[in-house]
Amino acid sequence: LRLACTVSGSTFSMNILGWYRQAPG
């Protein structure tokens, strides 16, 4: 699978982008 995330708005100085995940519990 390929996930995509588009960031909009005030994006200046957004130095680090990441993906987190959370499974139940």
PDBML (XML) file of the C-alpha atoms, coordinates in Angstrom:
<?xml version="1.0" encoding="UTF-8" ?>
<PDBx:datablock datablockName="MODEL"
   xmlns:PDBx="http://pdbml.pdb.org/schema/pdbx-v50.xsd"
   xmlns:xsi="http://www.w3.org/2001/XMLSchema-instance"
   xsi:schemaLocation="http://pdbml.pdb.org/schema/pdbx-v50.xsd pdbx-v50.xsd">
   <PDBx:atom_siteCategory>
      <PDBx:atom_site id="1">
         <PDBx:B_iso_or_equiv>0.00</PDBx:B_iso_or_equiv>
         <PDBx:Cartn_x>0.000</PDBx:Cartn_x>
         <PDBx:Cartn_y>0.000</PDBx:Cartn_y>
         <PDBx:Cartn_z>0.000</PDBx:Cartn_z>
         <PDBx:auth_asym_id>A</PDBx:auth_asym_id>
         <PDBx:auth_atom_id>CA</PDBx:auth_atom_id>
         <PDBx:auth_comp_id>LEU</PDBx:auth_comp_id>
         <PDBx:auth_seq_id>1</PDBx:auth_seq_id>
         <PDBx:group_PDB>ATOM</PDBx:group_PDB>
         <PDBx:label_alt_id xsi:nil="true" />
         <PDBx:label_asym_id>A</PDBx:label_asym_id>
         <PDBx:label_atom_id>CA</PDBx:label_atom_id>
         <PDBx:label_comp_id>LEU</PDBx:label_comp_id>
         <PDBx:label_entity_id>1</PDBx:label_entity_id>
         <PDBx:label_seq_id>1</PDBx:label_seq_id>
         <PDBx:occupancy>1.00</PDBx:occupancy>
         <PDBx:pdbx_PDB_model_num>1</PDBx:pdbx_PDB_model_num>
         <PDBx:type_symbol>C</PDBx:type_symbol>
      </PDBx:atom_site>
      <PDBx:atom_site id="2">
         <PDBx:B_iso_or_equiv>0.00</PDBx:B_iso_or_equiv>
         <PDBx:Cartn_x>1.068</PDBx:Cartn_x>
         <PDBx:Cartn_y>3.587</PDBx:Cartn_y>
         <PDBx:Cartn_z>-0.445</PDBx:Cartn_z>
         <PDBx:auth_asym_id>A</PDBx:auth_asym_id>
         <PDBx:auth_atom_id>CA</PDBx:auth_atom_id>
         <PDBx:auth_comp_id>ARG</PDBx:auth_comp_id>
         <PDBx:auth_seq_id>2</PDBx:auth_seq_id>
         <PDBx:group_PDB>ATOM</PDBx:group_PDB>
         <PDBx:label_alt_id xsi:nil="true" />
         <PDBx:label_asym_id>A</PDBx:label_asym_id>
         <PDBx:label_atom_id>CA</PDBx:label_atom_id>
         <PDBx:label_comp_id>ARG</PDBx:label_comp_id>
         <PDBx:label_entity_id>1</PDBx:label_entity_id>
         <PDBx:label_seq_id>2</PDBx:label_seq_id>
         <PDBx:occupancy>1.00</PDBx:occupancy>
         <PDBx:pdbx_PDB_model_num>1</PDBx:pdbx_PDB_model_num>
         <PDBx:type_symbol>C</PDBx:type_symbol>
      </PDBx:atom_site>
      <PDBx:atom_site id="3">
         <PDBx:B_iso_or_equiv>0.00</PDBx:B_iso_or_equiv>
         <PDBx:Cartn_x>-0.165</PDBx:Cartn_x>
         <PDBx:Cartn_y>6.205</PDBx:Cartn_y>
         <PDBx:Cartn_z>1.958</PDBx:Cartn_z>
         <PDBx:auth_asym_id>A</PDBx:auth_asym_id>
         <PDBx:auth_atom_id>CA</PDBx:auth_atom_id>
         <PDBx:auth_comp_id>LEU</PDBx:auth_comp_id>
         <PDBx:auth_seq_id>3</PDBx:auth_seq_id>
         <PDBx:group_PDB>ATOM</PDBx:group_PDB>
         <PDBx:label_alt_id xsi:nil="true" />
         <PDBx:label_asym_id>A</PDBx:label_asym_id>
         <PDBx:label_atom_id>CA</PDBx:label_atom_id>
         <PDBx:label_comp_id>LEU</PDBx:label_comp_id>
         <PDBx:label_entity_id>1</PDBx:label_entity_id>
         <PDBx:label_seq_id>3</PDBx:label_seq_id>
         <PDBx:occupancy>1.00</PDBx:occupancy>
         <PDBx:pdbx_PDB_model_num>1</PDBx:pdbx_PDB_model_num>
         <PDBx:type_symbol>C</PDBx:type_symbol>
      </PDBx:atom_site>
      <PDBx:atom_site id="4">
         <PDBx:B_iso_or_equiv>0.00</PDBx:B_iso_or_equiv>
         <PDBx:Cartn_x>-0.165</PDBx:Cartn_x>
         <PDBx:Cartn_y>9.872</PDBx:Cartn_y>
         <PDBx:Cartn_z>1.054</PDBx:Cartn_z>
         <PDBx:auth_asym_id>A</PDBx:auth_asym_id>
         <PDBx:auth_atom_id>CA</PDBx:auth_atom_id>
         <PDBx:auth_comp_id>ALA</PDBx:auth_comp_id>
         <PDBx:auth_seq_id>4</PDBx:auth_seq_id>
         <PDBx:group_PDB>ATOM</PDBx:group_PDB>
         <PDBx:label_alt_id xsi:nil="true" />
         <PDBx:label_asym_id>A</PDBx:label_asym_id>
         <PDBx:label_atom_id>CA</PDBx:label_atom_id>
         <PDBx:label_comp_id>ALA</PDBx:label_comp_id>
         <PDBx:label_entity_id>1</PDBx:label_entity_id>
         <PDBx:label_seq_id>4</PDBx:label_seq_id>
         <PDBx:occupancy>1.00</PDBx:occupancy>
         <PDBx:pdbx_PDB_model_num>1</PDBx:pdbx_PDB_model_num>
         <PDBx:type_symbol>C</PDBx:type_symbol>
      </PDBx:atom_site>
      <PDBx:atom_site id="5">
         <PDBx:B_iso_or_equiv>0.00</PDBx:B_iso_or_equiv>
         <PDBx:Cartn_x>-0.607</PDBx:Cartn_x>
         <PDBx:Cartn_y>12.943</PDBx:Cartn_y>
         <PDBx:Cartn_z>3.196</PDBx:Cartn_z>
         <PDBx:auth_asym_id>A</PDBx:auth_asym_id>
         <PDBx:auth_atom_id>CA</PDBx:auth_atom_id>
         <PDBx:auth_comp_id>CYS</PDBx:auth_comp_id>
         <PDBx:auth_seq_id>5</PDBx:auth_seq_id>
         <PDBx:group_PDB>ATOM</PDBx:group_PDB>
         <PDBx:label_alt_id xsi:nil="true" />
         <PDBx:label_asym_id>A</PDBx:label_asym_id>
         <PDBx:label_atom_id>CA</PDBx:label_atom_id>
         <PDBx:label_comp_id>CYS</PDBx:label_comp_id>
         <PDBx:label_entity_id>1</PDBx:label_entity_id>
         <PDBx:label_seq_id>5</PDBx:label_seq_id>
         <PDBx:occupancy>1.00</PDBx:occupancy>
         <PDBx:pdbx_PDB_model_num>1</PDBx:pdbx_PDB_model_num>
         <PDBx:type_symbol>C</PDBx:type_symbol>
      </PDBx:atom_site>
      <PDBx:atom_site id="6">
         <PDBx:B_iso_or_equiv>0.00</PDBx:B_iso_or_equiv>
         <PDBx:Cartn_x>-0.964</PDBx:Cartn_x>
         <PDBx:Cartn_y>16.459</PDBx:Cartn_y>
         <PDBx:Cartn_z>1.873</PDBx:Cartn_z>
         <PDBx:auth_asym_id>A</PDBx:auth_asym_id>
         <PDBx:auth_atom_id>CA</PDBx:auth_atom_id>
         <PDBx:auth_comp_id>THR</PDBx:auth_comp_id>
         <PDBx:auth_seq_id>6</PDBx:auth_seq_id>
         <PDBx:group_PDB>ATOM</PDBx:group_PDB>
         <PDBx:label_alt_id xsi:nil="true" />
         <PDBx:label_asym_id>A</PDBx:label_asym_id>
         <PDBx:label_atom_id>CA</PDBx:label_atom_id>
         <PDBx:label_comp_id>THR</PDBx:label_comp_id>
         <PDBx:label_entity_id>1</PDBx:label_entity_id>
         <PDBx:label_seq_id>6</PDBx:label_seq_id>
         <PDBx:occupancy>1.00</PDBx:occupancy>
         <PDBx:pdbx_PDB_model_num>1</PDBx:pdbx_PDB_model_num>
         <PDBx:type_symbol>C</PDBx:type_symbol>
      </PDBx:atom_site>
      <PDBx:atom_site id="7">
         <PDBx:B_iso_or_equiv>0.00</PDBx:B_iso_or_equiv>
         <PDBx:Cartn_x>-0.234</PDBx:Cartn_x>
         <PDBx:Cartn_y>19.321</PDBx:Cartn_y>
         <PDBx:Cartn_z>4.227</PDBx:Cartn_z>
         <PDBx:auth_asym_id>A</PDBx:auth_asym_id>
         <PDBx:auth_atom_id>CA</PDBx:auth_atom_id>
         <PDBx:auth_comp_id>VAL</PDBx:auth_comp_id>
         <PDBx:auth_seq_id>7</PDBx:auth_seq_id>
         <PDBx:group_PDB>ATOM</PDBx:group_PDB>
         <PDBx:label_alt_id xsi:nil="true" />
         <PDBx:label_asym_id>A</PDBx:label_asym_id>
         <PDBx:label_atom_id>CA</PDBx:label_atom_id>
         <PDBx:label_comp_id>VAL</PDBx:label_comp_id>
         <PDBx:label_entity_id>1</PDBx:label_entity_id>
         <PDBx:label_seq_id>7</PDBx:label_seq_id>
         <PDBx:occupancy>1.00</PDBx:occupancy>
         <PDBx:pdbx_PDB_model_num>1</PDBx:pdbx_PDB_model_num>
         <PDBx:type_symbol>C</PDBx:type_symbol>
      </PDBx:atom_site>
      <PDBx:atom_site id="8">
         <PDBx:B_iso_or_equiv>0.00</PDBx:B_iso_or_equiv>
         <PDBx:Cartn_x>-2.023</PDBx:Cartn_x>
         <PDBx:Cartn_y>22.577</PDBx:Cartn_y>
         <PDBx:Cartn_z>3.562</PDBx:Cartn_z>
         <PDBx:auth_asym_id>A</PDBx:auth_asym_id>
         <PDBx:auth_atom_id>CA</PDBx:auth_atom_id>
         <PDBx:auth_comp_id>SER</PDBx:auth_comp_id>
         <PDBx:auth_seq_id>8</PDBx:auth_seq_id>
         <PDBx:group_PDB>ATOM</PDBx:group_PDB>
         <PDBx:label_alt_id xsi:nil="true" />
         <PDBx:label_asym_id>A</PDBx:label_asym_id>
         <PDBx:label_atom_id>CA</PDBx:label_atom_id>
         <PDBx:label_comp_id>SER</PDBx:label_comp_id>
         <PDBx:label_entity_id>1</PDBx:label_entity_id>
         <PDBx:label_seq_id>8</PDBx:label_seq_id>
         <PDBx:occupancy>1.00</PDBx:occupancy>
         <PDBx:pdbx_PDB_model_num>1</PDBx:pdbx_PDB_model_num>
         <PDBx:type_symbol>C</PDBx:type_symbol>
      </PDBx:atom_site>
      <PDBx:atom_site id="9">
         <PDBx:B_iso_or_equiv>0.00</PDBx:B_iso_or_equiv>
         <PDBx:Cartn_x>-2.149</PDBx:Cartn_x>
         <PDBx:Cartn_y>25.926</PDBx:Cartn_y>
         <PDBx:Cartn_z>5.245</PDBx:Cartn_z>
         <PDBx:auth_asym_id>A</PDBx:auth_asym_id>
         <PDBx:auth_atom_id>CA</PDBx:auth_atom_id>
         <PDBx:auth_comp_id>GLY</PDBx:auth_comp_id>
         <PDBx:auth_seq_id>9</PDBx:auth_seq_id>
         <PDBx:group_PDB>ATOM</PDBx:group_PDB>
         <PDBx:label_alt_id xsi:nil="true" />
         <PDBx:label_asym_id>A</PDBx:label_asym_id>
         <PDBx:label_atom_id>CA</PDBx:label_atom_id>
         <PDBx:label_comp_id>GLY</PDBx:label_comp_id>
         <PDBx:label_entity_id>1</PDBx:label_entity_id>
         <PDBx:label_seq_id>9</PDBx:label_seq_id>
         <PDBx:occupancy>1.00</PDBx:occupancy>
         <PDBx:pdbx_PDB_model_num>1</PDBx:pdbx_PDB_model_num>
         <PDBx:type_symbol>C</PDBx:type_symbol>
      </PDBx:atom_site>
      <PDBx:atom_site id="10">
         <PDBx:B_iso_or_equiv>0.00</PDBx:B_iso_or_equiv>
         <PDBx:Cartn_x>0.878</PDBx:Cartn_x>
         <PDBx:Cartn_y>27.460</PDBx:Cartn_y>
         <PDBx:Cartn_z>6.875</PDBx:Cartn_z>
         <PDBx:auth_asym_id>A</PDBx:auth_asym_id>
         <PDBx:auth_atom_id>CA</PDBx:auth_atom_id>
         <PDBx:auth_comp_id>SER</PDBx:auth_comp_id>
         <PDBx:auth_seq_id>10</PDBx:auth_seq_id>
         <PDBx:group_PDB>ATOM</PDBx:group_PDB>
         <PDBx:label_alt_id xsi:nil="true" />
         <PDBx:label_asym_id>A</PDBx:label_asym_id>
         <PDBx:label_atom_id>CA</PDBx:label_atom_id>
         <PDBx:label_comp_id>SER</PDBx:label_comp_id>
         <PDBx:label_entity_id>1</PDBx:label_entity_id>
         <PDBx:label_seq_id>10</PDBx:label_seq_id>
         <PDBx:occupancy>1.00</PDBx:occupancy>
         <PDBx:pdbx_PDB_model_num>1</PDBx:pdbx_PDB_model_num>
         <PDBx:type_symbol>C</PDBx:type_symbol>
      </PDBx:atom_site>
      <PDBx:atom_site id="11">
         <PDBx:B_iso_or_equiv>0.00</PDBx:B_iso_or_equiv>
         <PDBx:Cartn_x>3.550</PDBx:Cartn_x>
         <PDBx:Cartn_y>24.920</PDBx:Cartn_y>
         <PDBx:Cartn_z>6.037</PDBx:Cartn_z>
         <PDBx:auth_asym_id>A</PDBx:auth_asym_id>
         <PDBx:auth_atom_id>CA</PDBx:auth_atom_id>
         <PDBx:auth_comp_id>THR</PDBx:auth_comp_id>
         <PDBx:auth_seq_id>11</PDBx:auth_seq_id>
         <PDBx:group_PDB>ATOM</PDBx:group_PDB>
         <PDBx:label_alt_id xsi:nil="true" />
         <PDBx:label_asym_id>A</PDBx:label_asym_id>
         <PDBx:label_atom_id>CA</PDBx:label_atom_id>
         <PDBx:label_comp_id>THR</PDBx:label_comp_id>
         <PDBx:label_entity_id>1</PDBx:label_entity_id>
         <PDBx:label_seq_id>11</PDBx:label_seq_id>
         <PDBx:occupancy>1.00</PDBx:occupancy>
         <PDBx:pdbx_PDB_model_num>1</PDBx:pdbx_PDB_model_num>
         <PDBx:type_symbol>C</PDBx:type_symbol>
      </PDBx:atom_site>
      <PDBx:atom_site id="12">
         <PDBx:B_iso_or_equiv>0.00</PDBx:B_iso_or_equiv>
         <PDBx:Cartn_x>6.653</PDBx:Cartn_x>
         <PDBx:Cartn_y>26.995</PDBx:Cartn_y>
         <PDBx:Cartn_z>6.556</PDBx:Cartn_z>
         <PDBx:auth_asym_id>A</PDBx:auth_asym_id>
         <PDBx:auth_atom_id>CA</PDBx:auth_atom_id>
         <PDBx:auth_comp_id>PHE</PDBx:auth_comp_id>
         <PDBx:auth_seq_id>12</PDBx:auth_seq_id>
         <PDBx:group_PDB>ATOM</PDBx:group_PDB>
         <PDBx:label_alt_id xsi:nil="true" />
         <PDBx:label_asym_id>A</PDBx:label_asym_id>
         <PDBx:label_atom_id>CA</PDBx:label_atom_id>
         <PDBx:label_comp_id>PHE</PDBx:label_comp_id>
         <PDBx:label_entity_id>1</PDBx:label_entity_id>
         <PDBx:label_seq_id>12</PDBx:label_seq_id>
         <PDBx:occupancy>1.00</PDBx:occupancy>
         <PDBx:pdbx_PDB_model_num>1</PDBx:pdbx_PDB_model_num>
         <PDBx:type_symbol>C</PDBx:type_symbol>
      </PDBx:atom_site>
      <PDBx:atom_site id="13">
         <PDBx:B_iso_or_equiv>0.00</PDBx:B_iso_or_equiv>
         <PDBx:Cartn_x>9.253</PDBx:Cartn_x>
         <PDBx:Cartn_y>25.551</PDBx:Cartn_y>
         <PDBx:Cartn_z>8.899</PDBx:Cartn_z>
         <PDBx:auth_asym_id>A</PDBx:auth_asym_id>
         <PDBx:auth_atom_id>CA</PDBx:auth_atom_id>
         <PDBx:auth_comp_id>SER</PDBx:auth_comp_id>
         <PDBx:auth_seq_id>13</PDBx:auth_seq_id>
         <PDBx:group_PDB>ATOM</PDBx:group_PDB>
         <PDBx:label_alt_id xsi:nil="true" />
         <PDBx:label_asym_id>A</PDBx:label_asym_id>
         <PDBx:label_atom_id>CA</PDBx:label_atom_id>
         <PDBx:label_comp_id>SER</PDBx:label_comp_id>
         <PDBx:label_entity_id>1</PDBx:label_entity_id>
         <PDBx:label_seq_id>13</PDBx:label_seq_id>
         <PDBx:occupancy>1.00</PDBx:occupancy>
         <PDBx:pdbx_PDB_model_num>1</PDBx:pdbx_PDB_model_num>
         <PDBx:type_symbol>C</PDBx:type_symbol>
      </PDBx:atom_site>
      <PDBx:atom_site id="14">
         <PDBx:B_iso_or_equiv>0.00</PDBx:B_iso_or_equiv>
         <PDBx:Cartn_x>7.572</PDBx:Cartn_x>
         <PDBx:Cartn_y>22.126</PDBx:Cartn_y>
         <PDBx:Cartn_z>8.801</PDBx:Cartn_z>
         <PDBx:auth_asym_id>A</PDBx:auth_asym_id>
         <PDBx:auth_atom_id>CA</PDBx:auth_atom_id>
         <PDBx:auth_comp_id>MET</PDBx:auth_comp_id>
         <PDBx:auth_seq_id>14</PDBx:auth_seq_id>
         <PDBx:group_PDB>ATOM</PDBx:group_PDB>
         <PDBx:label_alt_id xsi:nil="true" />
         <PDBx:label_asym_id>A</PDBx:label_asym_id>
         <PDBx:label_atom_id>CA</PDBx:label_atom_id>
         <PDBx:label_comp_id>MET</PDBx:label_comp_id>
         <PDBx:label_entity_id>1</PDBx:label_entity_id>
         <PDBx:label_seq_id>14</PDBx:label_seq_id>
         <PDBx:occupancy>1.00</PDBx:occupancy>
         <PDBx:pdbx_PDB_model_num>1</PDBx:pdbx_PDB_model_num>
         <PDBx:type_symbol>C</PDBx:type_symbol>
      </PDBx:atom_site>
      <PDBx:atom_site id="15">
         <PDBx:B_iso_or_equiv>0.00</PDBx:B_iso_or_equiv>
         <PDBx:Cartn_x>10.971</PDBx:Cartn_x>
         <PDBx:Cartn_y>20.538</PDBx:Cartn_y>
         <PDBx:Cartn_z>8.978</PDBx:Cartn_z>
         <PDBx:auth_asym_id>A</PDBx:auth_asym_id>
         <PDBx:auth_atom_id>CA</PDBx:auth_atom_id>
         <PDBx:auth_comp_id>ASN</PDBx:auth_comp_id>
         <PDBx:auth_seq_id>15</PDBx:auth_seq_id>
         <PDBx:group_PDB>ATOM</PDBx:group_PDB>
         <PDBx:label_alt_id xsi:nil="true" />
         <PDBx:label_asym_id>A</PDBx:label_asym_id>
         <PDBx:label_atom_id>CA</PDBx:label_atom_id>
         <PDBx:label_comp_id>ASN</PDBx:label_comp_id>
         <PDBx:label_entity_id>1</PDBx:label_entity_id>
         <PDBx:label_seq_id>15</PDBx:label_seq_id>
         <PDBx:occupancy>1.00</PDBx:occupancy>
         <PDBx:pdbx_PDB_model_num>1</PDBx:pdbx_PDB_model_num>
         <PDBx:type_symbol>C</PDBx:type_symbol>
      </PDBx:atom_site>
      <PDBx:atom_site id="16">
         <PDBx:B_iso_or_equiv>0.00</PDBx:B_iso_or_equiv>
         <PDBx:Cartn_x>9.944</PDBx:Cartn_x>
         <PDBx:Cartn_y>17.012</PDBx:Cartn_y>
         <PDBx:Cartn_z>9.935</PDBx:Cartn_z>
         <PDBx:auth_asym_id>A</PDBx:auth_asym_id>
         <PDBx:auth_atom_id>CA</PDBx:auth_atom_id>
         <PDBx:auth_comp_id>ILE</PDBx:auth_comp_id>
         <PDBx:auth_seq_id>16</PDBx:auth_seq_id>
         <PDBx:group_PDB>ATOM</PDBx:group_PDB>
         <PDBx:label_alt_id xsi:nil="true" />
         <PDBx:label_asym_id>A</PDBx:label_asym_id>
         <PDBx:label_atom_id>CA</PDBx:label_atom_id>
         <PDBx:label_comp_id>ILE</PDBx:label_comp_id>
         <PDBx:label_entity_id>1</PDBx:label_entity_id>
         <PDBx:label_seq_id>16</PDBx:label_seq_id>
         <PDBx:occupancy>1.00</PDBx:occupancy>
         <PDBx:pdbx_PDB_model_num>1</PDBx:pdbx_PDB_model_num>
         <PDBx:type_symbol>C</PDBx:type_symbol>
      </PDBx:atom_site>
      <PDBx:atom_site id="17">
         <PDBx:B_iso_or_equiv>0.00</PDBx:B_iso_or_equiv>
         <PDBx:Cartn_x>7.147</PDBx:Cartn_x>
         <PDBx:Cartn_y>14.937</PDBx:Cartn_y>
         <PDBx:Cartn_z>8.493</PDBx:Cartn_z>
         <PDBx:auth_asym_id>A</PDBx:auth_asym_id>
         <PDBx:auth_atom_id>CA</PDBx:auth_atom_id>
         <PDBx:auth_comp_id>LEU</PDBx:auth_comp_id>
         <PDBx:auth_seq_id>17</PDBx:auth_seq_id>
         <PDBx:group_PDB>ATOM</PDBx:group_PDB>
         <PDBx:label_alt_id xsi:nil="true" />
         <PDBx:label_asym_id>A</PDBx:label_asym_id>
         <PDBx:label_atom_id>CA</PDBx:label_atom_id>
         <PDBx:label_comp_id>LEU</PDBx:label_comp_id>
         <PDBx:label_entity_id>1</PDBx:label_entity_id>
         <PDBx:label_seq_id>17</PDBx:label_seq_id>
         <PDBx:occupancy>1.00</PDBx:occupancy>
         <PDBx:pdbx_PDB_model_num>1</PDBx:pdbx_PDB_model_num>
         <PDBx:type_symbol>C</PDBx:type_symbol>
      </PDBx:atom_site>
      <PDBx:atom_site id="18">
         <PDBx:B_iso_or_equiv>0.00</PDBx:B_iso_or_equiv>
         <PDBx:Cartn_x>6.313</PDBx:Cartn_x>
         <PDBx:Cartn_y>11.505</PDBx:Cartn_y>
         <PDBx:Cartn_z>9.775</PDBx:Cartn_z>
         <PDBx:auth_asym_id>A</PDBx:auth_asym_id>
         <PDBx:auth_atom_id>CA</PDBx:auth_atom_id>
         <PDBx:auth_comp_id>GLY</PDBx:auth_comp_id>
         <PDBx:auth_seq_id>18</PDBx:auth_seq_id>
         <PDBx:group_PDB>ATOM</PDBx:group_PDB>
         <PDBx:label_alt_id xsi:nil="true" />
         <PDBx:label_asym_id>A</PDBx:label_asym_id>
         <PDBx:label_atom_id>CA</PDBx:label_atom_id>
         <PDBx:label_comp_id>GLY</PDBx:label_comp_id>
         <PDBx:label_entity_id>1</PDBx:label_entity_id>
         <PDBx:label_seq_id>18</PDBx:label_seq_id>
         <PDBx:occupancy>1.00</PDBx:occupancy>
         <PDBx:pdbx_PDB_model_num>1</PDBx:pdbx_PDB_model_num>
         <PDBx:type_symbol>C</PDBx:type_symbol>
      </PDBx:atom_site>
      <PDBx:atom_site id="19">
         <PDBx:B_iso_or_equiv>0.00</PDBx:B_iso_or_equiv>
         <PDBx:Cartn_x>3.956</PDBx:Cartn_x>
         <PDBx:Cartn_y>8.598</PDBx:Cartn_y>
         <PDBx:Cartn_z>9.952</PDBx:Cartn_z>
         <PDBx:auth_asym_id>A</PDBx:auth_asym_id>
         <PDBx:auth_atom_id>CA</PDBx:auth_atom_id>
         <PDBx:auth_comp_id>TRP</PDBx:auth_comp_id>
         <PDBx:auth_seq_id>19</PDBx:auth_seq_id>
         <PDBx:group_PDB>ATOM</PDBx:group_PDB>
         <PDBx:label_alt_id xsi:nil="true" />
         <PDBx:label_asym_id>A</PDBx:label_asym_id>
         <PDBx:label_atom_id>CA</PDBx:label_atom_id>
         <PDBx:label_comp_id>TRP</PDBx:label_comp_id>
         <PDBx:label_entity_id>1</PDBx:label_entity_id>
         <PDBx:label_seq_id>19</PDBx:label_seq_id>
         <PDBx:occupancy>1.00</PDBx:occupancy>
         <PDBx:pdbx_PDB_model_num>1</PDBx:pdbx_PDB_model_num>
         <PDBx:type_symbol>C</PDBx:type_symbol>
      </PDBx:atom_site>
      <PDBx:atom_site id="20">
         <PDBx:B_iso_or_equiv>0.00</PDBx:B_iso_or_equiv>
         <PDBx:Cartn_x>2.729</PDBx:Cartn_x>
         <PDBx:Cartn_y>7.146</PDBx:Cartn_y>
         <PDBx:Cartn_z>13.204</PDBx:Cartn_z>
         <PDBx:auth_asym_id>A</PDBx:auth_asym_id>
         <PDBx:auth_atom_id>CA</PDBx:auth_atom_id>
         <PDBx:auth_comp_id>TYR</PDBx:auth_comp_id>
         <PDBx:auth_seq_id>20</PDBx:auth_seq_id>
         <PDBx:group_PDB>ATOM</PDBx:group_PDB>
         <PDBx:label_alt_id xsi:nil="true" />
         <PDBx:label_asym_id>A</PDBx:label_asym_id>
         <PDBx:label_atom_id>CA</PDBx:label_atom_id>
         <PDBx:label_comp_id>TYR</PDBx:label_comp_id>
         <PDBx:label_entity_id>1</PDBx:label_entity_id>
         <PDBx:label_seq_id>20</PDBx:label_seq_id>
         <PDBx:occupancy>1.00</PDBx:occupancy>
         <PDBx:pdbx_PDB_model_num>1</PDBx:pdbx_PDB_model_num>
         <PDBx:type_symbol>C</PDBx:type_symbol>
      </PDBx:atom_site>
      <PDBx:atom_site id="21">
         <PDBx:B_iso_or_equiv>0.00</PDBx:B_iso_or_equiv>
         <PDBx:Cartn_x>0.508</PDBx:Cartn_x>
         <PDBx:Cartn_y>4.162</PDBx:Cartn_y>
         <PDBx:Cartn_z>13.773</PDBx:Cartn_z>
         <PDBx:auth_asym_id>A</PDBx:auth_asym_id>
         <PDBx:auth_atom_id>CA</PDBx:auth_atom_id>
         <PDBx:auth_comp_id>ARG</PDBx:auth_comp_id>
         <PDBx:auth_seq_id>21</PDBx:auth_seq_id>
         <PDBx:group_PDB>ATOM</PDBx:group_PDB>
         <PDBx:label_alt_id xsi:nil="true" />
         <PDBx:label_asym_id>A</PDBx:label_asym_id>
         <PDBx:label_atom_id>CA</PDBx:label_atom_id>
         <PDBx:label_comp_id>ARG</PDBx:label_comp_id>
         <PDBx:label_entity_id>1</PDBx:label_entity_id>
         <PDBx:label_seq_id>21</PDBx:label_seq_id>
         <PDBx:occupancy>1.00</PDBx:occupancy>
         <PDBx:pdbx_PDB_model_num>1</PDBx:pdbx_PDB_model_num>
         <PDBx:type_symbol>C</PDBx:type_symbol>
      </PDBx:atom_site>
      <PDBx:atom_site id="22">
         <PDBx:B_iso_or_equiv>0.00</PDBx:B_iso_or_equiv>
         <PDBx:Cartn_x>-1.669</PDBx:Cartn_x>
         <PDBx:Cartn_y>2.991</PDBx:Cartn_y>
         <PDBx:Cartn_z>16.599</PDBx:Cartn_z>
         <PDBx:auth_asym_id>A</PDBx:auth_asym_id>
         <PDBx:auth_atom_id>CA</PDBx:auth_atom_id>
         <PDBx:auth_comp_id>GLN</PDBx:auth_comp_id>
         <PDBx:auth_seq_id>22</PDBx:auth_seq_id>
         <PDBx:group_PDB>ATOM</PDBx:group_PDB>
         <PDBx:label_alt_id xsi:nil="true" />
         <PDBx:label_asym_id>A</PDBx:label_asym_id>
         <PDBx:label_atom_id>CA</PDBx:label_atom_id>
         <PDBx:label_comp_id>GLN</PDBx:label_comp_id>
         <PDBx:label_entity_id>1</PDBx:label_entity_id>
         <PDBx:label_seq_id>22</PDBx:label_seq_id>
         <PDBx:occupancy>1.00</PDBx:occupancy>
         <PDBx:pdbx_PDB_model_num>1</PDBx:pdbx_PDB_model_num>
         <PDBx:type_symbol>C</PDBx:type_symbol>
      </PDBx:atom_site>
      <PDBx:atom_site id="23">
         <PDBx:B_iso_or_equiv>0.00</PDBx:B_iso_or_equiv>
         <PDBx:Cartn_x>-3.119</PDBx:Cartn_x>
         <PDBx:Cartn_y>-0.462</PDBx:Cartn_y>
         <PDBx:Cartn_z>17.002</PDBx:Cartn_z>
         <PDBx:auth_asym_id>A</PDBx:auth_asym_id>
         <PDBx:auth_atom_id>CA</PDBx:auth_atom_id>
         <PDBx:auth_comp_id>ALA</PDBx:auth_comp_id>
         <PDBx:auth_seq_id>23</PDBx:auth_seq_id>
         <PDBx:group_PDB>ATOM</PDBx:group_PDB>
         <PDBx:label_alt_id xsi:nil="true" />
         <PDBx:label_asym_id>A</PDBx:label_asym_id>
         <PDBx:label_atom_id>CA</PDBx:label_atom_id>
         <PDBx:label_comp_id>ALA</PDBx:label_comp_id>
         <PDBx:label_entity_id>1</PDBx:label_entity_id>
         <PDBx:label_seq_id>23</PDBx:label_seq_id>
         <PDBx:occupancy>1.00</PDBx:occupancy>
         <PDBx:pdbx_PDB_model_num>1</PDBx:pdbx_PDB_model_num>
         <PDBx:type_symbol>C</PDBx:type_symbol>
      </PDBx:atom_site>
      <PDBx:atom_site id="24">
         <PDBx:B_iso_or_equiv>0.00</PDBx:B_iso_or_equiv>
         <PDBx:Cartn_x>-5.967</PDBx:Cartn_x>
         <PDBx:Cartn_y>-1.158</PDBx:Cartn_y>
         <PDBx:Cartn_z>19.436</PDBx:Cartn_z>
         <PDBx:auth_asym_id>A</PDBx:auth_asym_id>
         <PDBx:auth_atom_id>CA</PDBx:auth_atom_id>
         <PDBx:auth_comp_id>PRO</PDBx:auth_comp_id>
         <PDBx:auth_seq_id>24</PDBx:auth_seq_id>
         <PDBx:group_PDB>ATOM</PDBx:group_PDB>
         <PDBx:label_alt_id xsi:nil="true" />
         <PDBx:label_asym_id>A</PDBx:label_asym_id>
         <PDBx:label_atom_id>CA</PDBx:label_atom_id>
         <PDBx:label_comp_id>PRO</PDBx:label_comp_id>
         <PDBx:label_entity_id>1</PDBx:label_entity_id>
         <PDBx:label_seq_id>24</PDBx:label_seq_id>
         <PDBx:occupancy>1.00</PDBx:occupancy>
         <PDBx:pdbx_PDB_model_num>1</PDBx:pdbx_PDB_model_num>
         <PDBx:type_symbol>C</PDBx:type_symbol>
      </PDBx:atom_site>
      <PDBx:atom_site id="25">
         <PDBx:B_iso_or_equiv>0.00</PDBx:B_iso_or_equiv>
         <PDBx:Cartn_x>-4.703</PDBx:Cartn_x>
         <PDBx:Cartn_y>-1.198</PDBx:Cartn_y>
         <PDBx:Cartn_z>22.989</PDBx:Cartn_z>
         <PDBx:auth_asym_id>A</PDBx:auth_asym_id>
         <PDBx:auth_atom_id>CA</PDBx:auth_atom_id>
         <PDBx:auth_comp_id>GLY</PDBx:auth_comp_id>
         <PDBx:auth_seq_id>25</PDBx:auth_seq_id>
         <PDBx:group_PDB>ATOM</PDBx:group_PDB>
         <PDBx:label_alt_id xsi:nil="true" />
         <PDBx:label_asym_id>A</PDBx:label_asym_id>
         <PDBx:label_atom_id>CA</PDBx:label_atom_id>
         <PDBx:label_comp_id>GLY</PDBx:label_comp_id>
         <PDBx:label_entity_id>1</PDBx:label_entity_id>
         <PDBx:label_seq_id>25</PDBx:label_seq_id>
         <PDBx:occupancy>1.00</PDBx:occupancy>
         <PDBx:pdbx_PDB_model_num>1</PDBx:pdbx_PDB_model_num>
         <PDBx:type_symbol>C</PDBx:type_symbol>
      </PDBx:atom_site>
   </PDBx:atom_siteCategory>
</PDBx:datablock>
